[in-house]
Amino acid sequence: MADDKILIIMTSGPDTPRRCATPFFFATLATAMDYDVTMFFTIDGTLLLKKGLADTVFPKEGGKSVGEFLREAIDSGVKMTACTASLELHGLSPDDLIPEVKMVGGASMWQMAEESKTVLTF
């Protein structure tokens, strides 16, 4: 297990906007602390990676969009991965997602979890 790896599993999506910004905020903070952070999106979390969708989700009226938090995380070096099965669940293809996303299967999630010092789930 690596001492510097963190995995954040994101299952929350646009239907629960108040749960959507914090994972990106935590991921960005962790990269600033020199952690190697990967986010794994599954179930409804995958919808946040659809091109343009996160920009329409606001956890707080008048506040930053989830898209802004997402871009900050990407710019800080957070790796974005999405579950291939969750794309099928929502009728999406990899082309529907932002280009920074790497598609992975469920077995990859288990490997990432095993290799991580900390695993957070939202």
C-alpha atoms as a PDB file:
ATOM      1  CA  MET A   1       0.000   0.000   0.000  1.00  0.00           C
ATOM      2  CA  ALA A   2       1.370   3.405  -0.955  1.00  0.00           C
ATOM      3  CA  ASP A   3       1.551   6.085   1.705  1.00  0.00           C
ATOM      4  CA  ASP A   4       0.741   8.868  -0.724  1.00  0.00           C
ATOM      5  CA  LYS A   5      -2.315   7.541  -2.604  1.00  0.00           C
ATOM      6  CA  ILE A   6      -5.907   8.570  -1.958  1.00  0.00           C
ATOM      7  CA  LEU A   7      -8.961   7.194  -3.747  1.00  0.00           C
ATOM      8  CA  ILE A   8     -12.243   9.095  -3.732  1.00  0.00           C
ATOM      9  CA  ILE A   9     -15.248   7.068  -4.905  1.00  0.00           C
ATOM     10  CA  MET A  10     -18.003   9.315  -6.203  1.00  0.00           C
ATOM     11  CA  THR A  11     -21.506   7.831  -6.396  1.00  0.00           C
ATOM     12  CA  SER A  12     -23.445  11.076  -5.853  1.00  0.00           C
ATOM     13  CA  GLY A  13     -24.663  12.934  -8.911  1.00  0.00           C
ATOM     14  CA  PRO A  14     -26.624  15.976 -10.030  1.00  0.00           C
ATOM     15  CA  ASP A  15     -29.749  14.946  -8.076  1.00  0.00           C
ATOM     16  CA  THR A  16     -27.825  15.563  -4.825  1.00  0.00           C
ATOM     17  CA  PRO A  17     -25.896  18.770  -5.580  1.00  0.00           C
ATOM     18  CA  ARG A  18     -24.939  19.480  -1.964  1.00  0.00           C
ATOM     19  CA  ARG A  19     -22.909  16.258  -1.944  1.00  0.00           C
ATOM     20  CA  CYS A  20     -21.071  17.023  -5.189  1.00  0.00           C
ATOM     21  CA  ALA A  21     -18.592  19.842  -4.497  1.00  0.00           C
ATOM     22  CA  THR A  22     -16.881  18.548  -1.359  1.00  0.00           C
ATOM     23  CA  PRO A  23     -15.207  15.505  -2.980  1.00  0.00           C
ATOM     24  CA  PHE A  24     -13.543  17.739  -5.580  1.00  0.00           C
ATOM     25  CA  PHE A  25     -12.544  20.234  -2.876  1.00  0.00           C
ATOM     26  CA  PHE A  26     -11.006  17.471  -0.732  1.00  0.00           C
ATOM     27  CA  ALA A  27      -9.198  16.038  -3.773  1.00  0.00           C
ATOM     28  CA  THR A  28      -7.713  19.429  -4.646  1.00  0.00           C
ATOM     29  CA  LEU A  29      -6.583  19.950  -1.039  1.00  0.00           C
ATOM     30  CA  ALA A  30      -4.945  16.529  -0.969  1.00  0.00           C
ATOM     31  CA  THR A  31      -2.942  17.208  -4.137  1.00  0.00           C
ATOM     32  CA  ALA A  32      -1.736  20.467  -2.564  1.00  0.00           C
ATOM     33  CA  MET A  33      -0.462  18.281   0.288  1.00  0.00           C
ATOM     34  CA  ASP A  34       1.443  16.130  -2.254  1.00  0.00           C
ATOM     35  CA  TYR A  35      -0.941  13.179  -2.241  1.00  0.00           C
ATOM     36  CA  ASP A  36      -1.535  11.200  -5.430  1.00  0.00           C
ATOM     37  CA  VAL A  37      -5.322  11.447  -5.796  1.00  0.00           C
ATOM     38  CA  THR A  38      -7.636   9.462  -8.053  1.00  0.00           C
ATOM     39  CA  MET A  39     -11.388   9.910  -8.229  1.00  0.00           C
ATOM     40  CA  PHE A  40     -13.500   6.933  -9.337  1.00  0.00           C
ATOM     41  CA  PHE A  41     -16.984   7.826 -10.605  1.00  0.00           C
ATOM     42  CA  THR A  42     -19.759   5.266 -10.598  1.00  0.00           C
ATOM     43  CA  ILE A  43     -23.559   5.093 -10.424  1.00  0.00           C
ATOM     44  CA  ASP A  44     -24.882   8.704 -10.649  1.00  0.00           C
ATOM     45  CA  GLY A  45     -21.465  10.256 -10.048  1.00  0.00           C
ATOM     46  CA  THR A  46     -20.560   9.432 -13.627  1.00  0.00           C
ATOM     47  CA  LEU A  47     -23.134  11.960 -14.839  1.00  0.00           C
ATOM     48  CA  LEU A  48     -20.981  14.783 -13.435  1.00  0.00           C
ATOM     49  CA  LEU A  49     -18.344  13.914 -16.030  1.00  0.00           C
ATOM     50  CA  LYS A  50     -20.726  14.423 -18.948  1.00  0.00           C
ATOM     51  CA  LYS A  51     -19.534  17.387 -21.008  1.00  0.00           C
ATOM     52  CA  GLY A  52     -21.103  20.595 -19.661  1.00  0.00           C
ATOM     53  CA  LEU A  53     -23.330  18.964 -17.044  1.00  0.00           C
ATOM     54  CA  ALA A  54     -21.272  19.821 -13.944  1.00  0.00           C
ATOM     55  CA  ASP A  55     -21.480  23.498 -14.917  1.00  0.00           C
ATOM     56  CA  THR A  56     -25.259  23.329 -14.369  1.00  0.00           C
ATOM     57  CA  VAL A  57     -25.041  21.875 -10.841  1.00  0.00           C
ATOM     58  CA  PHE A  58     -24.815  24.330  -7.937  1.00  0.00           C
ATOM     59  CA  PRO A  59     -24.450  23.082  -4.348  1.00  0.00           C
ATOM     60  CA  LYS A  60     -25.331  26.561  -3.050  1.00  0.00           C
ATOM     61  CA  GLU A  61     -27.438  29.186  -4.765  1.00  0.00           C
ATOM     62  CA  GLY A  62     -25.128  31.945  -5.987  1.00  0.00           C
ATOM     63  CA  GLY A  63     -22.042  29.832  -5.319  1.00  0.00           C
ATOM     64  CA  LYS A  64     -19.553  28.078  -7.545  1.00  0.00           C
ATOM     65  CA  SER A  65     -20.747  25.339  -9.865  1.00  0.00           C
ATOM     66  CA  VAL A  66     -19.602  21.755  -9.455  1.00  0.00           C
ATOM     67  CA  GLY A  67     -17.913  22.264 -12.838  1.00  0.00           C
ATOM     68  CA  GLU A  68     -15.637  24.886 -11.283  1.00  0.00           C
ATOM     69  CA  PHE A  69     -14.678  22.494  -8.479  1.00  0.00           C
ATOM     70  CA  LEU A  70     -14.111  19.751 -11.078  1.00  0.00           C
ATOM     71  CA  ARG A  71     -11.778  21.948 -13.161  1.00  0.00           C
ATOM     72  CA  GLU A  72      -9.816  22.987 -10.059  1.00  0.00           C
ATOM     73  CA  ALA A  73      -9.303  19.325  -9.181  1.00  0.00           C
ATOM     74  CA  ILE A  74      -8.156  18.452 -12.700  1.00  0.00           C
ATOM     75  CA  ASP A  75      -5.829  21.468 -12.805  1.00  0.00           C
ATOM     76  CA  SER A  76      -4.283  20.382  -9.496  1.00  0.00           C
ATOM     77  CA  GLY A  77      -3.461  16.941 -10.899  1.00  0.00           C
ATOM     78  CA  VAL A  78      -6.332  14.783  -9.654  1.00  0.00           C
ATOM     79  CA  LYS A  79      -6.841  11.766 -11.928  1.00  0.00           C
ATOM     80  CA  MET A  80     -10.420  11.156 -13.070  1.00  0.00           C
ATOM     81  CA  THR A  81     -11.643   7.611 -13.762  1.00  0.00           C
ATOM     82  CA  ALA A  82     -15.132   6.367 -14.599  1.00  0.00           C
ATOM     83  CA  CYS A  83     -16.742   2.951 -14.345  1.00  0.00           C
ATOM     84  CA  THR A  84     -17.562   1.502 -17.757  1.00  0.00           C
ATOM     85  CA  ALA A  85     -20.711  -0.199 -16.427  1.00  0.00           C
ATOM     86  CA  SER A  86     -22.099   3.087 -15.115  1.00  0.00           C
ATOM     87  CA  LEU A  87     -21.878   4.566 -18.614  1.00  0.00           C
ATOM     88  CA  GLU A  88     -24.147   1.787 -19.860  1.00  0.00           C
ATOM     89  CA  LEU A  89     -26.505   2.448 -16.939  1.00  0.00           C
ATOM     90  CA  HIS A  90     -27.008   6.020 -18.171  1.00  0.00           C
ATOM     91  CA  GLY A  91     -26.853   5.344 -21.917  1.00  0.00           C
ATOM     92  CA  LEU A  92     -23.589   7.260 -22.292  1.00  0.00           C
ATOM     93  CA  SER A  93     -20.431   6.585 -24.274  1.00  0.00           C
ATOM     94  CA  PRO A  94     -16.866   7.699 -23.483  1.00  0.00           C
ATOM     95  CA  ASP A  95     -17.270  10.409 -26.143  1.00  0.00           C
ATOM     96  CA  ASP A  96     -19.993  12.005 -23.981  1.00  0.00           C
ATOM     97  CA  LEU A  97     -17.515  12.639 -21.158  1.00  0.00           C
ATOM     98  CA  ILE A  98     -14.897  15.318 -20.607  1.00  0.00           C
ATOM     99  CA  PRO A  99     -11.560  14.344 -22.206  1.00  0.00           C
ATOM    100  CA  GLU A 100      -9.654  14.044 -18.906  1.00  0.00           C
ATOM    101  CA  VAL A 101     -11.546  10.874 -17.930  1.00  0.00           C
ATOM    102  CA  LYS A 102     -10.004   7.412 -18.160  1.00  0.00           C
ATOM    103  CA  MET A 103     -12.478   4.521 -18.418  1.00  0.00           C
ATOM    104  CA  VAL A 104     -11.864   1.606 -16.034  1.00  0.00           C
ATOM    105  CA  GLY A 105     -13.670  -1.534 -14.931  1.00  0.00           C
ATOM    106  CA  GLY A 106     -14.750  -2.593 -11.475  1.00  0.00           C
ATOM    107  CA  ALA A 107     -11.618  -4.675 -10.926  1.00  0.00           C
ATOM    108  CA  SER A 108      -9.515  -1.535 -11.376  1.00  0.00           C
ATOM    109  CA  MET A 109     -11.458   0.148  -8.581  1.00  0.00           C
ATOM    110  CA  TRP A 110     -10.573  -2.692  -6.220  1.00  0.00           C
ATOM    111  CA  GLN A 111      -6.917  -2.469  -7.188  1.00  0.00           C
ATOM    112  CA  MET A 112      -6.897   1.309  -6.661  1.00  0.00           C
ATOM    113  CA  ALA A 113      -8.570   0.862  -3.266  1.00  0.00           C
ATOM    114  CA  GLU A 114      -6.044  -1.754  -2.197  1.00  0.00           C
ATOM    115  CA  GLU A 115      -3.136   0.487  -3.207  1.00  0.00           C
ATOM    116  CA  SER A 116      -4.496   3.588  -1.447  1.00  0.00           C
ATOM    117  CA  LYS A 117      -3.714   4.838   2.026  1.00  0.00           C
ATOM    118  CA  THR A 118      -7.175   6.368   2.310  1.00  0.00           C
ATOM    119  CA  VAL A 119     -10.477   5.690   0.527  1.00  0.00           C
ATOM    120  CA  LEU A 120     -13.342   8.195   0.792  1.00  0.00           C
ATOM    121  CA  THR A 121     -16.835   7.607  -0.572  1.00  0.00           C
ATOM    122  CA  PHE A 122     -19.424  10.247  -1.430  1.00  0.00           C
END
